[in-house]
Amino acid sequence: SPYRTSAGNIYICSSSTPPGGGVHGMCGYHAAQRAL
């Protein structure tokens, strides 16, 4: 999962994750879904 870091409870949810740049919120949505 590109949203997981190697530290168990730390995630990245910026446009540096899929699908990248643009105002769509999908990076944050997918990262949160992974954490859930």
PDB file of all heavy atoms in Angstrom:
ATOM      1  N   SER A   1       0.866  -1.185   0.000  1.00  0.00           N
ATOM      2  CA  SER A   1       0.000   0.000   0.000  1.00  0.00           C
ATOM      3  C   SER A   1       0.895   1.225   0.000  1.00  0.00           C
ATOM      4  O   SER A   1       1.714   1.392   0.909  1.00  0.00           O
ATOM      5  CB  SER A   1      -0.916   0.033   1.226  1.00  0.00           C
ATOM      6  OG  SER A   1      -1.573   1.302   1.297  1.00  0.00           O
ATOM      7  N   PRO A   2       0.772   2.098  -0.997  1.00  0.00           N
ATOM      8  CA  PRO A   2       1.627   3.285  -1.040  1.00  0.00           C
ATOM      9  C   PRO A   2       1.338   4.289   0.067  1.00  0.00           C
ATOM     10  O   PRO A   2       2.132   5.202   0.289  1.00  0.00           O
ATOM     11  CB  PRO A   2       1.329   3.885  -2.416  1.00  0.00           C
ATOM     12  CG  PRO A   2      -0.047   3.407  -2.739  1.00  0.00           C
ATOM     13  CD  PRO A   2      -0.147   2.042  -2.150  1.00  0.00           C
ATOM     14  N   TYR A   3       0.210   4.132   0.757  1.00  0.00           N
ATOM     15  CA  TYR A   3      -0.175   5.071   1.806  1.00  0.00           C
ATOM     16  C   TYR A   3       0.446   4.706   3.158  1.00  0.00           C
ATOM     17  O   TYR A   3       0.581   5.560   4.022  1.00  0.00           O
ATOM     18  CB  TYR A   3      -1.699   5.125   1.928  1.00  0.00           C
ATOM     19  CG  TYR A   3      -2.366   5.319   0.596  1.00  0.00           C
ATOM     20  CD1 TYR A   3      -2.957   4.244  -0.076  1.00  0.00           C
ATOM     21  CD2 TYR A   3      -2.367   6.565  -0.031  1.00  0.00           C
ATOM     22  CE1 TYR A   3      -3.543   4.411  -1.332  1.00  0.00           C
ATOM     23  CE2 TYR A   3      -2.943   6.740  -1.280  1.00  0.00           C
ATOM     24  CZ  TYR A   3      -3.529   5.655  -1.923  1.00  0.00           C
ATOM     25  OH  TYR A   3      -4.088   5.829  -3.169  1.00  0.00           O
ATOM     26  N   ARG A   4       0.818   3.459   3.330  1.00  0.00           N
ATOM     27  CA  ARG A   4       1.464   3.022   4.558  1.00  0.00           C
ATOM     28  C   ARG A   4       2.939   3.403   4.536  1.00  0.00           C
ATOM     29  O   ARG A   4       3.612   3.278   3.525  1.00  0.00           O
ATOM     30  CB  ARG A   4       1.395   1.506   4.696  1.00  0.00           C
ATOM     31  CG  ARG A   4       0.089   0.902   5.080  1.00  0.00           C
ATOM     32  CD  ARG A   4       0.295  -0.599   5.135  1.00  0.00           C
ATOM     33  NE  ARG A   4      -0.886  -1.341   5.497  1.00  0.00           N
ATOM     34  CZ  ARG A   4      -1.145  -2.560   5.062  1.00  0.00           C
ATOM     35  NH1 ARG A   4      -0.310  -3.148   4.211  1.00  0.00           N
ATOM     36  NH2 ARG A   4      -2.229  -3.203   5.448  1.00  0.00           N
ATOM     37  N   THR A   5       3.435   3.843   5.669  1.00  0.00           N
ATOM     38  CA  THR A   5       4.875   3.989   5.819  1.00  0.00           C
ATOM     39  C   THR A   5       5.389   2.729   6.505  1.00  0.00           C
ATOM     40  O   THR A   5       4.606   1.826   6.838  1.00  0.00           O
ATOM     41  CB  THR A   5       5.227   5.227   6.658  1.00  0.00           C
ATOM     42  OG1 THR A   5       4.827   4.998   8.018  1.00  0.00           O
ATOM     43  CG2 THR A   5       4.531   6.470   6.115  1.00  0.00           C
ATOM     44  N   SER A   6       6.670   2.663   6.766  1.00  0.00           N
ATOM     45  CA  SER A   6       7.211   1.495   7.467  1.00  0.00           C
ATOM     46  C   SER A   6       6.987   1.571   8.967  1.00  0.00           C
ATOM     47  O   SER A   6       7.250   0.600   9.685  1.00  0.00           O
ATOM     48  CB  SER A   6       8.709   1.360   7.169  1.00  0.00           C
ATOM     49  OG  SER A   6       9.419   2.492   7.647  1.00  0.00           O
ATOM     50  N   ALA A   7       6.519   2.731   9.455  1.00  0.00           N
ATOM     51  CA  ALA A   7       6.127   2.856  10.857  1.00  0.00           C
ATOM     52  C   ALA A   7       4.640   2.511  10.933  1.00  0.00           C
ATOM     53  O   ALA A   7       3.817   3.157  10.265  1.00  0.00           O
ATOM     54  CB  ALA A   7       6.383   4.262  11.365  1.00  0.00           C
ATOM     55  N   GLY A   8       4.286   1.544  11.711  1.00  0.00           N
ATOM     56  CA  GLY A   8       2.963   0.928  11.671  1.00  0.00           C
ATOM     57  C   GLY A   8       1.763   1.838  11.633  1.00  0.00           C
ATOM     58  O   GLY A   8       0.811   1.590  10.906  1.00  0.00           O
ATOM     59  N   ASN A   9       1.777   2.924  12.400  1.00  0.00           N
ATOM     60  CA  ASN A   9       0.562   3.753  12.507  1.00  0.00           C
ATOM     61  C   ASN A   9       0.718   5.111  11.826  1.00  0.00           C
ATOM     62  O   ASN A   9      -0.078   6.014  12.074  1.00  0.00           O
ATOM     63  CB  ASN A   9       0.173   3.956  13.973  1.00  0.00           C
ATOM     64  CG  ASN A   9       1.162   4.838  14.716  1.00  0.00           C
ATOM     65  OD1 ASN A   9       2.334   4.916  14.348  1.00  0.00           O
ATOM     66  ND2 ASN A   9       0.700   5.486  15.772  1.00  0.00           N
ATOM     67  N   ILE A  10       1.701   5.274  10.961  1.00  0.00           N
ATOM     68  CA  ILE A  10       1.916   6.533  10.255  1.00  0.00           C
ATOM     69  C   ILE A  10       1.622   6.333   8.769  1.00  0.00           C
ATOM     70  O   ILE A  10       2.132   5.397   8.144  1.00  0.00           O
ATOM     71  CB  ILE A  10       3.354   7.061  10.441  1.00  0.00           C
ATOM     72  CG1 ILE A  10       3.615   7.350  11.925  1.00  0.00           C
ATOM     73  CG2 ILE A  10       3.590   8.309   9.597  1.00  0.00           C
ATOM     74  CD1 ILE A  10       5.043   7.795  12.223  1.00  0.00           C
ATOM     75  N   TYR A  11       0.807   7.224   8.226  1.00  0.00           N
ATOM     76  CA  TYR A  11       0.388   7.129   6.820  1.00  0.00           C
ATOM     77  C   TYR A  11       0.684   8.453   6.113  1.00  0.00           C
ATOM     78  O   TYR A  11       0.772   9.502   6.753  1.00  0.00           O
ATOM     79  CB  TYR A  11      -1.111   6.828   6.719  1.00  0.00           C
ATOM     80  CG  TYR A  11      -1.491   5.472   7.265  1.00  0.00           C
ATOM     81  CD1 TYR A  11      -1.594   5.266   8.651  1.00  0.00           C
ATOM     82  CD2 TYR A  11      -1.744   4.399   6.424  1.00  0.00           C
ATOM     83  CE1 TYR A  11      -1.929   4.025   9.160  1.00  0.00           C
ATOM     84  CE2 TYR A  11      -2.091   3.157   6.928  1.00  0.00           C
ATOM     85  CZ  TYR A  11      -2.173   2.969   8.293  1.00  0.00           C
ATOM     86  OH  TYR A  11      -2.504   1.733   8.800  1.00  0.00           O
ATOM     87  N   ILE A  12       0.826   8.386   4.802  1.00  0.00           N
ATOM     88  CA  ILE A  12       0.978   9.581   3.984  1.00  0.00           C
ATOM     89  C   ILE A  12      -0.234   9.679   3.065  1.00  0.00           C
ATOM     90  O   ILE A  12      -0.644   8.676   2.458  1.00  0.00           O
ATOM     91  CB  ILE A  12       2.312   9.572   3.200  1.00  0.00           C
ATOM     92  CG1 ILE A  12       2.435  10.835   2.336  1.00  0.00           C
ATOM     93  CG2 ILE A  12       2.468   8.312   2.376  1.00  0.00           C
ATOM     94  CD1 ILE A  12       3.819  11.024   1.720  1.00  0.00           C
ATOM     95  N   CYS A  13      -0.830  10.865   2.987  1.00  0.00           N
ATOM     96  CA  CYS A  13      -2.096  11.010   2.251  1.00  0.00           C
ATOM     97  C   CYS A  13      -2.071  12.187   1.280  1.00  0.00           C
ATOM     98  O   CYS A  13      -3.114  12.673   0.862  1.00  0.00           O
ATOM     99  CB  CYS A  13      -3.260  11.157   3.219  1.00  0.00           C
ATOM    100  SG  CYS A  13      -3.240  12.674   4.219  1.00  0.00           S
ATOM    101  N   SER A  14      -0.885  12.643   0.904  1.00  0.00           N
ATOM    102  CA  SER A  14      -0.763  13.827   0.050  1.00  0.00           C
ATOM    103  C   SER A  14      -0.784  13.451  -1.424  1.00  0.00           C
ATOM    104  O   SER A  14      -0.924  12.285  -1.799  1.00  0.00           O
ATOM    105  CB  SER A  14       0.555  14.539   0.362  1.00  0.00           C
ATOM    106  OG  SER A  14       1.652  13.757  -0.104  1.00  0.00           O
ATOM    107  N   SER A  15      -0.592  14.452  -2.290  1.00  0.00           N
ATOM    108  CA  SER A  15      -0.534  14.196  -3.729  1.00  0.00           C
ATOM    109  C   SER A  15       0.732  13.447  -4.126  1.00  0.00           C
ATOM    110  O   SER A  15       0.906  13.117  -5.302  1.00  0.00           O
ATOM    111  CB  SER A  15      -0.622  15.514  -4.503  1.00  0.00           C
ATOM    112  OG  SER A  15       0.431  16.377  -4.150  1.00  0.00           O
ATOM    113  N   SER A  16       1.597  13.157  -3.167  1.00  0.00           N
ATOM    114  CA  SER A  16       2.747  12.285  -3.420  1.00  0.00           C
ATOM    115  C   SER A  16       2.353  10.817  -3.343  1.00  0.00           C
ATOM    116  O   SER A  16       3.219   9.935  -3.376  1.00  0.00           O
ATOM    117  CB  SER A  16       3.871  12.579  -2.422  1.00  0.00           C
ATOM    118  OG  SER A  16       4.370  13.886  -2.589  1.00  0.00           O
ATOM    119  N   THR A  17       1.050  10.544  -3.207  1.00  0.00           N
ATOM    120  CA  THR A  17       0.509   9.188  -3.274  1.00  0.00           C
ATOM    121  C   THR A  17      -0.461   9.125  -4.458  1.00  0.00           C
ATOM    122  O   THR A  17      -0.866  10.152  -4.988  1.00  0.00           O
ATOM    123  CB  THR A  17      -0.222   8.815  -1.966  1.00  0.00           C
ATOM    124  OG1 THR A  17      -1.363   9.675  -1.797  1.00  0.00           O
ATOM    125  CG2 THR A  17       0.699   8.948  -0.757  1.00  0.00           C
ATOM    126  N   PRO A  18      -0.851   7.911  -4.877  1.00  0.00           N
ATOM    127  CA  PRO A  18      -1.809   7.804  -5.996  1.00  0.00           C
ATOM    128  C   PRO A  18      -3.148   8.453  -5.647  1.00  0.00           C
ATOM    129  O   PRO A  18      -3.592   8.341  -4.507  1.00  0.00           O
ATOM    130  CB  PRO A  18      -1.970   6.289  -6.167  1.00  0.00           C
ATOM    131  CG  PRO A  18      -0.720   5.701  -5.602  1.00  0.00           C
ATOM    132  CD  PRO A  18      -0.370   6.592  -4.438  1.00  0.00           C
ATOM    133  N   PRO A  19      -3.780   9.167  -6.584  1.00  0.00           N
ATOM    134  CA  PRO A  19      -3.404   9.293  -7.999  1.00  0.00           C
ATOM    135  C   PRO A  19      -2.556  10.496  -8.327  1.00  0.00           C
ATOM    136  O   PRO A  19      -2.359  10.804  -9.502  1.00  0.00           O
ATOM    137  CB  PRO A  19      -4.766   9.421  -8.665  1.00  0.00           C
ATOM    138  CG  PRO A  19      -5.580  10.187  -7.677  1.00  0.00           C
ATOM    139  CD  PRO A  19      -5.139   9.685  -6.328  1.00  0.00           C
ATOM    140  N   GLY A  20      -2.040  11.226  -7.346  1.00  0.00           N
ATOM    141  CA  GLY A  20      -1.188  12.360  -7.627  1.00  0.00           C
ATOM    142  C   GLY A  20      -1.921  13.682  -7.561  1.00  0.00           C
ATOM    143  O   GLY A  20      -2.941  13.824  -6.890  1.00  0.00           O
ATOM    144  N   GLY A  21      -1.372  14.684  -8.271  1.00  0.00           N
ATOM    145  CA  GLY A  21      -1.848  16.052  -8.171  1.00  0.00           C
ATOM    146  C   GLY A  21      -3.259  16.266  -8.677  1.00  0.00           C
ATOM    147  O   GLY A  21      -3.804  15.469  -9.445  1.00  0.00           O
ATOM    148  N   GLY A  22      -3.845  17.378  -8.233  1.00  0.00           N
ATOM    149  CA  GLY A  22      -5.210  17.710  -8.620  1.00  0.00           C
ATOM    150  C   GLY A  22      -6.088  17.842  -7.391  1.00  0.00           C
ATOM    151  O   GLY A  22      -5.834  17.214  -6.354  1.00  0.00           O
ATOM    152  N   VAL A  23      -7.131  18.650  -7.505  1.00  0.00           N
ATOM    153  CA  VAL A  23      -8.061  18.841  -6.393  1.00  0.00           C
ATOM    154  C   VAL A  23      -9.182  17.821  -6.533  1.00  0.00           C
ATOM    155  O   VAL A  23     -10.183  18.057  -7.204  1.00  0.00           O
ATOM    156  CB  VAL A  23      -8.609  20.280  -6.392  1.00  0.00           C
ATOM    157  CG1 VAL A  23      -9.608  20.470  -5.253  1.00  0.00           C
ATOM    158  CG2 VAL A  23      -7.469  21.287  -6.267  1.00  0.00           C
ATOM    159  N   HIS A  24      -8.990  16.658  -5.924  1.00  0.00           N
ATOM    160  CA  HIS A  24      -9.965  15.565  -6.012  1.00  0.00           C
ATOM    161  C   HIS A  24     -10.146  14.842  -4.682  1.00  0.00           C
ATOM    162  O   HIS A  24     -11.117  14.123  -4.504  1.00  0.00           O
ATOM    163  CB  HIS A  24      -9.545  14.557  -7.082  1.00  0.00           C
ATOM    164  CG  HIS A  24      -8.087  14.215  -7.061  1.00  0.00           C
ATOM    165  ND1 HIS A  24      -7.487  13.589  -5.991  1.00  0.00           N
ATOM    166  CD2 HIS A  24      -7.112  14.433  -7.967  1.00  0.00           C
ATOM    167  CE1 HIS A  24      -6.197  13.425  -6.244  1.00  0.00           C
ATOM    168  NE2 HIS A  24      -5.941  13.944  -7.435  1.00  0.00           N
ATOM    169  N   GLY A  25      -9.207  15.003  -3.766  1.00  0.00           N
ATOM    170  CA  GLY A  25      -9.315  14.383  -2.455  1.00  0.00           C
ATOM    171  C   GLY A  25      -9.086  12.889  -2.429  1.00  0.00           C
ATOM    172  O   GLY A  25      -9.140  12.268  -1.358  1.00  0.00           O
ATOM    173  N   MET A  26      -8.798  12.284  -3.574  1.00  0.00           N
ATOM    174  CA  MET A  26      -8.727  10.824  -3.628  1.00  0.00           C
ATOM    175  C   MET A  26      -7.501  10.260  -2.906  1.00  0.00           C
ATOM    176  O   MET A  26      -7.543   9.138  -2.402  1.00  0.00           O
ATOM    177  CB  MET A  26      -8.756  10.355  -5.074  1.00  0.00           C
ATOM    178  CG  MET A  26     -10.061  10.651  -5.799  1.00  0.00           C
ATOM    179  SD  MET A  26     -11.501   9.872  -5.030  1.00  0.00           S
ATOM    180  CE  MET A  26     -11.219   8.149  -5.434  1.00  0.00           C
ATOM    181  N   CYS A  27      -6.414  11.029  -2.845  1.00  0.00           N
ATOM    182  CA  CYS A  27      -5.247  10.559  -2.088  1.00  0.00           C
ATOM    183  C   CYS A  27      -5.612  10.425  -0.608  1.00  0.00           C
ATOM    184  O   CYS A  27      -5.306   9.413   0.034  1.00  0.00           O
ATOM    185  CB  CYS A  27      -4.086  11.527  -2.253  1.00  0.00           C
ATOM    186  SG  CYS A  27      -3.618  11.896  -3.947  1.00  0.00           S
ATOM    187  N   GLY A  28      -6.262  11.457  -0.090  1.00  0.00           N
ATOM    188  CA  GLY A  28      -6.677  11.415   1.309  1.00  0.00           C
ATOM    189  C   GLY A  28      -7.710  10.350   1.581  1.00  0.00           C
ATOM    190  O   GLY A  28      -7.666   9.656   2.604  1.00  0.00           O
ATOM    191  N   TYR A  29      -8.657  10.200   0.659  1.00  0.00           N
ATOM    192  CA  TYR A  29      -9.702   9.187   0.824  1.00  0.00           C
ATOM    193  C   TYR A  29      -9.099   7.779   0.879  1.00  0.00           C
ATOM    194  O   TYR A  29      -9.414   6.987   1.777  1.00  0.00           O
ATOM    195  CB  TYR A  29     -10.699   9.301  -0.327  1.00  0.00           C
ATOM    196  CG  TYR A  29     -11.626   8.114  -0.457  1.00  0.00           C
ATOM    197  CD1 TYR A  29     -12.691   7.940   0.423  1.00  0.00           C
ATOM    198  CD2 TYR A  29     -11.422   7.149  -1.444  1.00  0.00           C
ATOM    199  CE1 TYR A  29     -13.538   6.850   0.313  1.00  0.00           C
ATOM    200  CE2 TYR A  29     -12.270   6.058  -1.570  1.00  0.00           C
ATOM    201  CZ  TYR A  29     -13.320   5.911  -0.685  1.00  0.00           C
ATOM    202  OH  TYR A  29     -14.147   4.820  -0.787  1.00  0.00           O
ATOM    203  N   HIS A  30      -8.241   7.461  -0.082  1.00  0.00           N
ATOM    204  CA  HIS A  30      -7.660   6.113  -0.122  1.00  0.00           C
ATOM    205  C   HIS A  30      -6.749   5.853   1.086  1.00  0.00           C
ATOM    206  O   HIS A  30      -6.733   4.732   1.622  1.00  0.00           O
ATOM    207  CB  HIS A  30      -6.888   5.911  -1.417  1.00  0.00           C
ATOM    208  CG  HIS A  30      -7.750   5.735  -2.626  1.00  0.00           C
ATOM    209  ND1 HIS A  30      -8.661   4.708  -2.747  1.00  0.00           N
ATOM    210  CD2 HIS A  30      -7.844   6.460  -3.767  1.00  0.00           C
ATOM    211  CE1 HIS A  30      -9.282   4.802  -3.914  1.00  0.00           C
ATOM    212  NE2 HIS A  30      -8.808   5.850  -4.537  1.00  0.00           N
ATOM    213  N   ALA A  31      -5.988   6.858   1.503  1.00  0.00           N
ATOM    214  CA  ALA A  31      -5.129   6.672   2.678  1.00  0.00           C
ATOM    215  C   ALA A  31      -5.969   6.410   3.925  1.00  0.00           C
ATOM    216  O   ALA A  31      -5.643   5.541   4.744  1.00  0.00           O
ATOM    217  CB  ALA A  31      -4.253   7.907   2.876  1.00  0.00           C
ATOM    218  N   ALA A  32      -7.046   7.154   4.077  1.00  0.00           N
ATOM    219  CA  ALA A  32      -7.919   6.947   5.236  1.00  0.00           C
ATOM    220  C   ALA A  32      -8.586   5.580   5.195  1.00  0.00           C
ATOM    221  O   ALA A  32      -8.728   4.912   6.233  1.00  0.00           O
ATOM    222  CB  ALA A  32      -8.972   8.051   5.290  1.00  0.00           C
ATOM    223  N   GLN A  33      -9.001   5.151   4.000  1.00  0.00           N
ATOM    224  CA  GLN A  33      -9.582   3.815   3.866  1.00  0.00           C
ATOM    225  C   GLN A  33      -8.575   2.745   4.273  1.00  0.00           C
ATOM    226  O   GLN A  33      -8.935   1.749   4.911  1.00  0.00           O
ATOM    227  CB  GLN A  33     -10.046   3.591   2.425  1.00  0.00           C
ATOM    228  CG  GLN A  33     -11.283   4.377   2.031  1.00  0.00           C
ATOM    229  CD  GLN A  33     -12.536   3.872   2.731  1.00  0.00           C
ATOM    230  OE1 GLN A  33     -12.616   2.728   3.148  1.00  0.00           O
ATOM    231  NE2 GLN A  33     -13.513   4.748   2.861  1.00  0.00           N
ATOM    232  N   ARG A  34      -7.301   2.947   3.913  1.00  0.00           N
ATOM    233  CA  ARG A  34      -6.259   1.981   4.298  1.00  0.00           C
ATOM    234  C   ARG A  34      -6.107   1.954   5.818  1.00  0.00           C
ATOM    235  O   ARG A  34      -6.005   0.879   6.427  1.00  0.00           O
ATOM    236  CB  ARG A  34      -4.951   2.381   3.638  1.00  0.00           C
ATOM    237  CG  ARG A  34      -3.757   1.459   3.897  1.00  0.00           C
ATOM    238  CD  ARG A  34      -3.919   0.130   3.200  1.00  0.00           C
ATOM    239  NE  ARG A  34      -4.539  -0.875   4.052  1.00  0.00           N
ATOM    240  CZ  ARG A  34      -4.947  -2.057   3.619  1.00  0.00           C
ATOM    241  NH1 ARG A  34      -4.836  -2.356   2.326  1.00  0.00           N
ATOM    242  NH2 ARG A  34      -5.474  -2.925   4.444  1.00  0.00           N
ATOM    243  N   ALA A  35      -6.096   3.123   6.453  1.00  0.00           N
ATOM    244  CA  ALA A  35      -5.977   3.180   7.905  1.00  0.00           C
ATOM    245  C   ALA A  35      -7.187   2.546   8.587  1.00  0.00           C
ATOM    246  O   ALA A  35      -7.047   1.852   9.606  1.00  0.00           O
ATOM    247  CB  ALA A  35      -5.817   4.634   8.353  1.00  0.00           C
ATOM    248  N   LEU A  36      -8.372   2.766   8.012  1.00  0.00           N
ATOM    249  CA  LEU A  36      -9.574   2.144   8.571  1.00  0.00           C
ATOM    250  C   LEU A  36      -9.475   0.621   8.524  1.00  0.00           C
ATOM    251  O   LEU A  36      -9.818  -0.071   9.492  1.00  0.00           O
ATOM    252  CB  LEU A  36     -10.812   2.611   7.813  1.00  0.00           C
ATOM    253  CG  LEU A  36     -11.307   4.028   8.111  1.00  0.00           C
ATOM    254  CD1 LEU A  36     -12.357   4.454   7.093  1.00  0.00           C
ATOM    255  CD2 LEU A  36     -11.880   4.106   9.532  1.00  0.00           C
TER     256      LEU A  36
END
